[in-house]
PDB file of all heavy atoms in Angstrom:
ATOM      1  N   ALA A   1      12.412 -22.831  14.734  1.00  0.00           N
ATOM      2  CA  ALA A   1      12.796 -22.881  16.151  1.00  0.00           C
ATOM      3  C   ALA A   1      13.514 -21.583  16.550  1.00  0.00           C
ATOM      4  O   ALA A   1      13.287 -21.062  17.651  1.00  0.00           O
ATOM      5  CB  ALA A   1      13.685 -24.094  16.428  1.00  0.00           C
ATOM      6  N   ASP A   2      14.358 -21.057  15.667  1.00  0.00           N
ATOM      7  CA  ASP A   2      15.040 -19.792  15.952  1.00  0.00           C
ATOM      8  C   ASP A   2      14.042 -18.631  15.985  1.00  0.00           C
ATOM      9  O   ASP A   2      14.166 -17.717  16.806  1.00  0.00           O
ATOM     10  CB  ASP A   2      16.126 -19.515  14.914  1.00  0.00           C
ATOM     11  CG  ASP A   2      17.309 -20.466  15.033  1.00  0.00           C
ATOM     12  OD1 ASP A   2      17.527 -21.023  16.128  1.00  0.00           O
ATOM     13  OD2 ASP A   2      18.019 -20.646  14.017  1.00  0.00           O
ATOM     14  N   ALA A   3      13.048 -18.675  15.107  1.00  0.00           N
ATOM     15  CA  ALA A   3      12.012 -17.643  15.108  1.00  0.00           C
ATOM     16  C   ALA A   3      11.228 -17.683  16.414  1.00  0.00           C
ATOM     17  O   ALA A   3      10.932 -16.638  17.009  1.00  0.00           O
ATOM     18  CB  ALA A   3      11.076 -17.822  13.906  1.00  0.00           C
ATOM     19  N   GLU A   4      10.899 -18.879  16.879  1.00  0.00           N
ATOM     20  CA  GLU A   4      10.188 -19.011  18.154  1.00  0.00           C
ATOM     21  C   GLU A   4      11.047 -18.513  19.312  1.00  0.00           C
ATOM     22  O   GLU A   4      10.543 -17.860  20.227  1.00  0.00           O
ATOM     23  CB  GLU A   4       9.776 -20.453  18.390  1.00  0.00           C
ATOM     24  CG  GLU A   4       8.635 -20.897  17.513  1.00  0.00           C
ATOM     25  CD  GLU A   4       8.186 -22.330  17.795  1.00  0.00           C
ATOM     26  OE1 GLU A   4       8.841 -23.029  18.604  1.00  0.00           O
ATOM     27  OE2 GLU A   4       7.180 -22.731  17.202  1.00  0.00           O
ATOM     28  N   SER A   5      12.320 -18.820  19.267  1.00  0.00           N
ATOM     29  CA  SER A   5      13.231 -18.356  20.312  1.00  0.00           C
ATOM     30  C   SER A   5      13.310 -16.829  20.327  1.00  0.00           C
ATOM     31  O   SER A   5      13.261 -16.202  21.392  1.00  0.00           O
ATOM     32  CB  SER A   5      14.618 -18.964  20.092  1.00  0.00           C
ATOM     33  OG  SER A   5      15.520 -18.481  21.041  1.00  0.00           O
ATOM     34  N   ALA A   6      13.422 -16.229  19.155  1.00  0.00           N
ATOM     35  CA  ALA A   6      13.478 -14.763  19.068  1.00  0.00           C
ATOM     36  C   ALA A   6      12.170 -14.154  19.567  1.00  0.00           C
ATOM     37  O   ALA A   6      12.186 -13.196  20.350  1.00  0.00           O
ATOM     38  CB  ALA A   6      13.758 -14.333  17.628  1.00  0.00           C
ATOM     39  N   ALA A   7      11.038 -14.705  19.146  1.00  0.00           N
ATOM     40  CA  ALA A   7       9.740 -14.180  19.588  1.00  0.00           C
ATOM     41  C   ALA A   7       9.600 -14.285  21.107  1.00  0.00           C
ATOM     42  O   ALA A   7       9.125 -13.353  21.759  1.00  0.00           O
ATOM     43  CB  ALA A   7       8.607 -14.928  18.883  1.00  0.00           C
ATOM     44  N   SER A   8      10.044 -15.392  21.668  1.00  0.00           N
ATOM     45  CA  SER A   8       9.992 -15.564  23.126  1.00  0.00           C
ATOM     46  C   SER A   8      10.863 -14.532  23.829  1.00  0.00           C
ATOM     47  O   SER A   8      10.472 -13.988  24.871  1.00  0.00           O
ATOM     48  CB  SER A   8      10.441 -16.969  23.512  1.00  0.00           C
ATOM     49  OG  SER A   8       9.537 -17.924  23.042  1.00  0.00           O
ATOM     50  N   TRP A   9      12.041 -14.271  23.268  1.00  0.00           N
ATOM     51  CA  TRP A   9      12.940 -13.288  23.883  1.00  0.00           C
ATOM     52  C   TRP A   9      12.288 -11.906  23.902  1.00  0.00           C
ATOM     53  O   TRP A   9      12.256 -11.244  24.937  1.00  0.00           O
ATOM     54  CB  TRP A   9      14.271 -13.230  23.120  1.00  0.00           C
ATOM     55  CG  TRP A   9      15.266 -12.333  23.787  1.00  0.00           C
ATOM     56  CD1 TRP A   9      16.132 -12.673  24.787  1.00  0.00           C
ATOM     57  CD2 TRP A   9      15.475 -10.936  23.535  1.00  0.00           C
ATOM     58  NE1 TRP A   9      16.867 -11.560  25.168  1.00  0.00           N
ATOM     59  CE2 TRP A   9      16.480 -10.492  24.412  1.00  0.00           C
ATOM     60  CE3 TRP A   9      14.910 -10.027  22.651  1.00  0.00           C
ATOM     61  CZ2 TRP A   9      16.939  -9.182  24.426  1.00  0.00           C
ATOM     62  CZ3 TRP A   9      15.360  -8.706  22.667  1.00  0.00           C
ATOM     63  CH2 TRP A   9      16.359  -8.300  23.547  1.00  0.00           C
ATOM     64  N   TYR A  10      11.746 -11.479  22.764  1.00  0.00           N
ATOM     65  CA  TYR A  10      11.107 -10.160  22.709  1.00  0.00           C
ATOM     66  C   TYR A  10       9.898 -10.096  23.640  1.00  0.00           C
ATOM     67  O   TYR A  10       9.688  -9.082  24.315  1.00  0.00           O
ATOM     68  CB  TYR A  10      10.684  -9.821  21.274  1.00  0.00           C
ATOM     69  CG  TYR A  10      11.849  -9.459  20.391  1.00  0.00           C
ATOM     70  CD1 TYR A  10      12.296 -10.331  19.398  1.00  0.00           C
ATOM     71  CD2 TYR A  10      12.518  -8.244  20.528  1.00  0.00           C
ATOM     72  CE1 TYR A  10      13.363  -9.996  18.578  1.00  0.00           C
ATOM     73  CE2 TYR A  10      13.590  -7.913  19.721  1.00  0.00           C
ATOM     74  CZ  TYR A  10      14.006  -8.784  18.743  1.00  0.00           C
ATOM     75  OH  TYR A  10      15.063  -8.460  17.947  1.00  0.00           O
ATOM     76  N   ARG A  11       9.092 -11.147  23.690  1.00  0.00           N
ATOM     77  CA  ARG A  11       7.934 -11.182  24.591  1.00  0.00           C
ATOM     78  C   ARG A  11       8.381 -11.041  26.040  1.00  0.00           C
ATOM     79  O   ARG A  11       7.804 -10.274  26.814  1.00  0.00           O
ATOM     80  CB  ARG A  11       7.160 -12.485  24.403  1.00  0.00           C
ATOM     81  CG  ARG A  11       5.954 -12.619  25.339  1.00  0.00           C
ATOM     82  CD  ARG A  11       5.483 -14.039  25.480  1.00  0.00           C
ATOM     83  NE  ARG A  11       6.572 -14.867  25.970  1.00  0.00           N
ATOM     84  CZ  ARG A  11       6.712 -16.160  25.681  1.00  0.00           C
ATOM     85  NH1 ARG A  11       5.856 -16.790  24.915  1.00  0.00           N
ATOM     86  NH2 ARG A  11       7.719 -16.843  26.170  1.00  0.00           N
ATOM     87  N   ASP A  12       9.439 -11.772  26.397  1.00  0.00           N
ATOM     88  CA  ASP A  12       9.925 -11.736  27.778  1.00  0.00           C
ATOM     89  C   ASP A  12      10.529 -10.384  28.130  1.00  0.00           C
ATOM     90  O   ASP A  12      10.400  -9.915  29.259  1.00  0.00           O
ATOM     91  CB  ASP A  12      10.934 -12.858  28.020  1.00  0.00           C
ATOM     92  CG  ASP A  12      10.299 -14.243  27.927  1.00  0.00           C
ATOM     93  OD1 ASP A  12       9.055 -14.354  27.949  1.00  0.00           O
ATOM     94  OD2 ASP A  12      11.072 -15.219  27.799  1.00  0.00           O
ATOM     95  N   VAL A  13      11.190  -9.754  27.185  1.00  0.00           N
ATOM     96  CA  VAL A  13      11.827  -8.453  27.444  1.00  0.00           C
ATOM     97  C   VAL A  13      10.775  -7.344  27.534  1.00  0.00           C
ATOM     98  O   VAL A  13      10.796  -6.535  28.460  1.00  0.00           O
ATOM     99  CB  VAL A  13      12.883  -8.124  26.360  1.00  0.00           C
ATOM    100  CG1 VAL A  13      13.312  -6.657  26.431  1.00  0.00           C
ATOM    101  CG2 VAL A  13      14.089  -9.031  26.520  1.00  0.00           C
ATOM    102  N   PHE A  14       9.866  -7.284  26.576  1.00  0.00           N
ATOM    103  CA  PHE A  14       8.940  -6.161  26.503  1.00  0.00           C
ATOM    104  C   PHE A  14       7.618  -6.402  27.218  1.00  0.00           C
ATOM    105  O   PHE A  14       6.955  -5.438  27.602  1.00  0.00           O
ATOM    106  CB  PHE A  14       8.676  -5.788  25.040  1.00  0.00           C
ATOM    107  CG  PHE A  14       9.852  -5.120  24.391  1.00  0.00           C
ATOM    108  CD1 PHE A  14      10.713  -5.836  23.591  1.00  0.00           C
ATOM    109  CD2 PHE A  14      10.112  -3.770  24.607  1.00  0.00           C
ATOM    110  CE1 PHE A  14      11.810  -5.231  22.998  1.00  0.00           C
ATOM    111  CE2 PHE A  14      11.200  -3.152  24.022  1.00  0.00           C
ATOM    112  CZ  PHE A  14      12.051  -3.889  23.217  1.00  0.00           C
ATOM    113  N   GLY A  15       7.203  -7.632  27.377  1.00  0.00           N
ATOM    114  CA  GLY A  15       5.875  -7.875  27.946  1.00  0.00           C
ATOM    115  C   GLY A  15       4.802  -7.549  26.925  1.00  0.00           C
ATOM    116  O   GLY A  15       4.052  -8.421  26.518  1.00  0.00           O
ATOM    117  N   ASP A  16       4.720  -6.296  26.505  1.00  0.00           N
ATOM    118  CA  ASP A  16       3.798  -5.880  25.445  1.00  0.00           C
ATOM    119  C   ASP A  16       4.487  -6.107  24.104  1.00  0.00           C
ATOM    120  O   ASP A  16       5.163  -5.216  23.568  1.00  0.00           O
ATOM    121  CB  ASP A  16       3.425  -4.402  25.583  1.00  0.00           C
ATOM    122  CG  ASP A  16       2.453  -4.151  26.710  1.00  0.00           C
ATOM    123  OD1 ASP A  16       1.594  -5.015  26.956  1.00  0.00           O
ATOM    124  OD2 ASP A  16       2.548  -3.088  27.341  1.00  0.00           O
ATOM    125  N   TYR A  17       4.332  -7.304  23.583  1.00  0.00           N
ATOM    126  CA  TYR A  17       4.971  -7.686  22.319  1.00  0.00           C
ATOM    127  C   TYR A  17       3.927  -8.343  21.434  1.00  0.00           C
ATOM    128  O   TYR A  17       3.142  -9.179  21.899  1.00  0.00           O
ATOM    129  CB  TYR A  17       6.129  -8.668  22.570  1.00  0.00           C
ATOM    130  CG  TYR A  17       6.764  -9.208  21.310  1.00  0.00           C
ATOM    131  CD1 TYR A  17       7.504  -8.378  20.486  1.00  0.00           C
ATOM    132  CD2 TYR A  17       6.610 -10.537  20.952  1.00  0.00           C
ATOM    133  CE1 TYR A  17       8.091  -8.865  19.322  1.00  0.00           C
ATOM    134  CE2 TYR A  17       7.183 -11.035  19.797  1.00  0.00           C
ATOM    135  CZ  TYR A  17       7.926 -10.194  18.983  1.00  0.00           C
ATOM    136  OH  TYR A  17       8.491 -10.685  17.833  1.00  0.00           O
ATOM    137  N   TYR A  18       3.907  -7.949  20.174  1.00  0.00           N
ATOM    138  CA  TYR A  18       2.929  -8.446  19.215  1.00  0.00           C
ATOM    139  C   TYR A  18       3.639  -8.909  17.951  1.00  0.00           C
ATOM    140  O   TYR A  18       4.610  -8.290  17.517  1.00  0.00           O
ATOM    141  CB  TYR A  18       1.941  -7.341  18.831  1.00  0.00           C
ATOM    142  CG  TYR A  18       1.140  -6.838  20.000  1.00  0.00           C
ATOM    143  CD1 TYR A  18       1.674  -5.888  20.873  1.00  0.00           C
ATOM    144  CD2 TYR A  18      -0.139  -7.312  20.242  1.00  0.00           C
ATOM    145  CE1 TYR A  18       0.949  -5.427  21.964  1.00  0.00           C
ATOM    146  CE2 TYR A  18      -0.878  -6.861  21.328  1.00  0.00           C
ATOM    147  CZ  TYR A  18      -0.324  -5.917  22.179  1.00  0.00           C
ATOM    148  OH  TYR A  18      -1.048  -5.475  23.249  1.00  0.00           O
ATOM    149  N   ILE A  19       3.130  -9.964  17.357  1.00  0.00           N
ATOM    150  CA  ILE A  19       3.644 -10.415  16.072  1.00  0.00           C
ATOM    151  C   ILE A  19       2.872  -9.669  14.989  1.00  0.00           C
ATOM    152  O   ILE A  19       1.648  -9.699  14.951  1.00  0.00           O
ATOM    153  CB  ILE A  19       3.509 -11.939  15.908  1.00  0.00           C
ATOM    154  CG1 ILE A  19       4.448 -12.635  16.913  1.00  0.00           C
ATOM    155  CG2 ILE A  19       3.831 -12.356  14.469  1.00  0.00           C
ATOM    156  CD1 ILE A  19       4.384 -14.147  16.883  1.00  0.00           C
ATOM    157  N   GLU A  20       3.625  -8.994  14.143  1.00  0.00           N
ATOM    158  CA  GLU A  20       3.050  -8.180  13.074  1.00  0.00           C
ATOM    159  C   GLU A  20       2.709  -9.021  11.857  1.00  0.00           C
ATOM    160  O   GLU A  20       3.529  -9.812  11.403  1.00  0.00           O
ATOM    161  CB  GLU A  20       4.087  -7.131  12.630  1.00  0.00           C
ATOM    162  CG  GLU A  20       3.735  -5.730  12.971  1.00  0.00           C
ATOM    163  CD  GLU A  20       4.762  -4.721  12.486  1.00  0.00           C
ATOM    164  OE1 GLU A  20       5.823  -4.598  13.114  1.00  0.00           O
ATOM    165  OE2 GLU A  20       4.482  -4.040  11.477  1.00  0.00           O
ATOM    166  N   LEU A  21       1.519  -8.790  11.342  1.00  0.00           N
ATOM    167  CA  LEU A  21       1.107  -9.397  10.079  1.00  0.00           C
ATOM    168  C   LEU A  21       0.815  -8.282   9.097  1.00  0.00           C
ATOM    169  O   LEU A  21       0.143  -7.314   9.442  1.00  0.00           O
ATOM    170  CB  LEU A  21      -0.153 -10.249  10.259  1.00  0.00           C
ATOM    171  CG  LEU A  21      -0.061 -11.428  11.217  1.00  0.00           C
ATOM    172  CD1 LEU A  21      -1.423 -12.085  11.352  1.00  0.00           C
ATOM    173  CD2 LEU A  21       0.972 -12.433  10.726  1.00  0.00           C
ATOM    174  N   GLN A  22       1.326  -8.414   7.889  1.00  0.00           N
ATOM    175  CA  GLN A  22       1.062  -7.444   6.840  1.00  0.00           C
ATOM    176  C   GLN A  22       0.576  -8.175   5.596  1.00  0.00           C
ATOM    177  O   GLN A  22       1.110  -9.221   5.256  1.00  0.00           O
ATOM    178  CB  GLN A  22       2.330  -6.640   6.511  1.00  0.00           C
ATOM    179  CG  GLN A  22       2.817  -5.805   7.665  1.00  0.00           C
ATOM    180  CD  GLN A  22       4.045  -4.985   7.319  1.00  0.00           C
ATOM    181  OE1 GLN A  22       4.732  -5.233   6.337  1.00  0.00           O
ATOM    182  NE2 GLN A  22       4.326  -3.996   8.157  1.00  0.00           N
ATOM    183  N   ARG A  23      -0.441  -7.627   4.941  1.00  0.00           N
ATOM    184  CA  ARG A  23      -0.984  -8.222   3.722  1.00  0.00           C
ATOM    185  C   ARG A  23      -0.667  -7.293   2.558  1.00  0.00           C
ATOM    186  O   ARG A  23      -1.460  -6.448   2.196  1.00  0.00           O
ATOM    187  CB  ARG A  23      -2.490  -8.410   3.832  1.00  0.00           C
ATOM    188  CG  ARG A  23      -2.948  -9.336   4.915  1.00  0.00           C
ATOM    189  CD  ARG A  23      -3.069 -10.806   4.584  1.00  0.00           C
ATOM    190  NE  ARG A  23      -3.410 -11.198   3.269  1.00  0.00           N
ATOM    191  CZ  ARG A  23      -4.606 -11.629   2.882  1.00  0.00           C
ATOM    192  NH1 ARG A  23      -5.610 -11.664   3.718  1.00  0.00           N
ATOM    193  NH2 ARG A  23      -4.799 -12.042   1.657  1.00  0.00           N
ATOM    194  N   HIS A  24       0.513  -7.413   2.037  1.00  0.00           N
ATOM    195  CA  HIS A  24       0.928  -6.690   0.835  1.00  0.00           C
ATOM    196  C   HIS A  24       1.039  -7.722  -0.280  1.00  0.00           C
ATOM    197  O   HIS A  24       1.220  -8.906  -0.014  1.00  0.00           O
ATOM    198  CB  HIS A  24       2.309  -6.041   1.038  1.00  0.00           C
ATOM    199  CG  HIS A  24       2.337  -5.006   2.104  1.00  0.00           C
ATOM    200  ND1 HIS A  24       1.811  -3.751   1.946  1.00  0.00           N
ATOM    201  CD2 HIS A  24       2.832  -5.032   3.365  1.00  0.00           C
ATOM    202  CE1 HIS A  24       1.976  -3.050   3.045  1.00  0.00           C
ATOM    203  NE2 HIS A  24       2.596  -3.802   3.932  1.00  0.00           N
ATOM    204  N   PRO A  25       1.008  -7.291  -1.507  1.00  0.00           N
ATOM    205  CA  PRO A  25       1.245  -8.260  -2.591  1.00  0.00           C
ATOM    206  C   PRO A  25       2.738  -8.588  -2.709  1.00  0.00           C
ATOM    207  O   PRO A  25       3.375  -8.328  -3.720  1.00  0.00           O
ATOM    208  CB  PRO A  25       0.698  -7.539  -3.824  1.00  0.00           C
ATOM    209  CG  PRO A  25       0.799  -6.093  -3.493  1.00  0.00           C
ATOM    210  CD  PRO A  25       0.625  -5.975  -2.013  1.00  0.00           C
ATOM    211  N   ILE A  26       3.279  -9.118  -1.630  1.00  0.00           N
ATOM    212  CA  ILE A  26       4.698  -9.499  -1.573  1.00  0.00           C
ATOM    213  C   ILE A  26       4.741 -10.987  -1.255  1.00  0.00           C
ATOM    214  O   ILE A  26       4.237 -11.423  -0.217  1.00  0.00           O
ATOM    215  CB  ILE A  26       5.453  -8.684  -0.498  1.00  0.00           C
ATOM    216  CG1 ILE A  26       5.397  -7.191  -0.832  1.00  0.00           C
ATOM    217  CG2 ILE A  26       6.894  -9.165  -0.370  1.00  0.00           C
ATOM    218  CD1 ILE A  26       5.945  -6.298   0.259  1.00  0.00           C
ATOM    219  N   ALA A  27       5.337 -11.755  -2.152  1.00  0.00           N
ATOM    220  CA  ALA A  27       5.337 -13.217  -2.018  1.00  0.00           C
ATOM    221  C   ALA A  27       5.928 -13.677  -0.690  1.00  0.00           C
ATOM    222  O   ALA A  27       5.400 -14.603  -0.065  1.00  0.00           O
ATOM    223  CB  ALA A  27       6.089 -13.848  -3.190  1.00  0.00           C
ATOM    224  N   ASP A  28       7.017 -13.040  -0.241  1.00  0.00           N
ATOM    225  CA  ASP A  28       7.644 -13.449   1.020  1.00  0.00           C
ATOM    226  C   ASP A  28       6.686 -13.316   2.202  1.00  0.00           C
ATOM    227  O   ASP A  28       6.639 -14.183   3.076  1.00  0.00           O
ATOM    228  CB  ASP A  28       8.917 -12.645   1.285  1.00  0.00           C
ATOM    229  CG  ASP A  28      10.088 -13.100   0.441  1.00  0.00           C
ATOM    230  OD1 ASP A  28      10.008 -14.184  -0.177  1.00  0.00           O
ATOM    231  OD2 ASP A  28      11.095 -12.370   0.409  1.00  0.00           O
ATOM    232  N   LEU A  29       5.925 -12.238   2.239  1.00  0.00           N
ATOM    233  CA  LEU A  29       4.972 -12.061   3.340  1.00  0.00           C
ATOM    234  C   LEU A  29       3.847 -13.080   3.270  1.00  0.00           C
ATOM    235  O   LEU A  29       3.419 -13.612   4.298  1.00  0.00           O
ATOM    236  CB  LEU A  29       4.389 -10.643   3.327  1.00  0.00           C
ATOM    237  CG  LEU A  29       5.305  -9.544   3.834  1.00  0.00           C
ATOM    238  CD1 LEU A  29       4.657  -8.179   3.634  1.00  0.00           C
ATOM    239  CD2 LEU A  29       5.662  -9.750   5.291  1.00  0.00           C
ATOM    240  N   GLU A  30       3.375 -13.366   2.080  1.00  0.00           N
ATOM    241  CA  GLU A  30       2.312 -14.361   1.931  1.00  0.00           C
ATOM    242  C   GLU A  30       2.782 -15.739   2.394  1.00  0.00           C
ATOM    243  O   GLU A  30       2.005 -16.506   2.954  1.00  0.00           O
ATOM    244  CB  GLU A  30       1.808 -14.406   0.482  1.00  0.00           C
ATOM    245  CG  GLU A  30       1.108 -13.130   0.045  1.00  0.00           C
ATOM    246  CD  GLU A  30      -0.072 -12.743   0.932  1.00  0.00           C
ATOM    247  OE1 GLU A  30      -0.861 -13.628   1.311  1.00  0.00           O
ATOM    248  OE2 GLU A  30      -0.186 -11.549   1.262  1.00  0.00           O
ATOM    249  N   ARG A  31       4.063 -16.034   2.176  1.00  0.00           N
ATOM    250  CA  ARG A  31       4.613 -17.308   2.647  1.00  0.00           C
ATOM    251  C   ARG A  31       4.831 -17.294   4.151  1.00  0.00           C
ATOM    252  O   ARG A  31       4.639 -18.299   4.828  1.00  0.00           O
ATOM    253  CB  ARG A  31       5.951 -17.596   1.953  1.00  0.00           C
ATOM    254  CG  ARG A  31       5.802 -18.079   0.542  1.00  0.00           C
ATOM    255  CD  ARG A  31       7.087 -18.653  -0.024  1.00  0.00           C
ATOM    256  NE  ARG A  31       8.270 -18.391   0.768  1.00  0.00           N
ATOM    257  CZ  ARG A  31       9.386 -17.833   0.301  1.00  0.00           C
ATOM    258  NH1 ARG A  31       9.479 -17.503  -0.951  1.00  0.00           N
ATOM    259  NH2 ARG A  31      10.410 -17.637   1.094  1.00  0.00           N
ATOM    260  N   ALA A  32       5.246 -16.167   4.695  1.00  0.00           N
ATOM    261  CA  ALA A  32       5.594 -16.087   6.120  1.00  0.00           C
ATOM    262  C   ALA A  32       4.378 -15.965   7.032  1.00  0.00           C
ATOM    263  O   ALA A  32       4.381 -16.503   8.151  1.00  0.00           O
ATOM    264  CB  ALA A  32       6.537 -14.909   6.367  1.00  0.00           C
TER     265      ALA A  32
END
């Protein structure tokens, strides 16, 4: 819920806002 709130804030502030996805062999990124 906090992540959604933060994403909404950035979207509302910048308008041009994108959620970044990265595919590295990093377990945290694969989970996120």
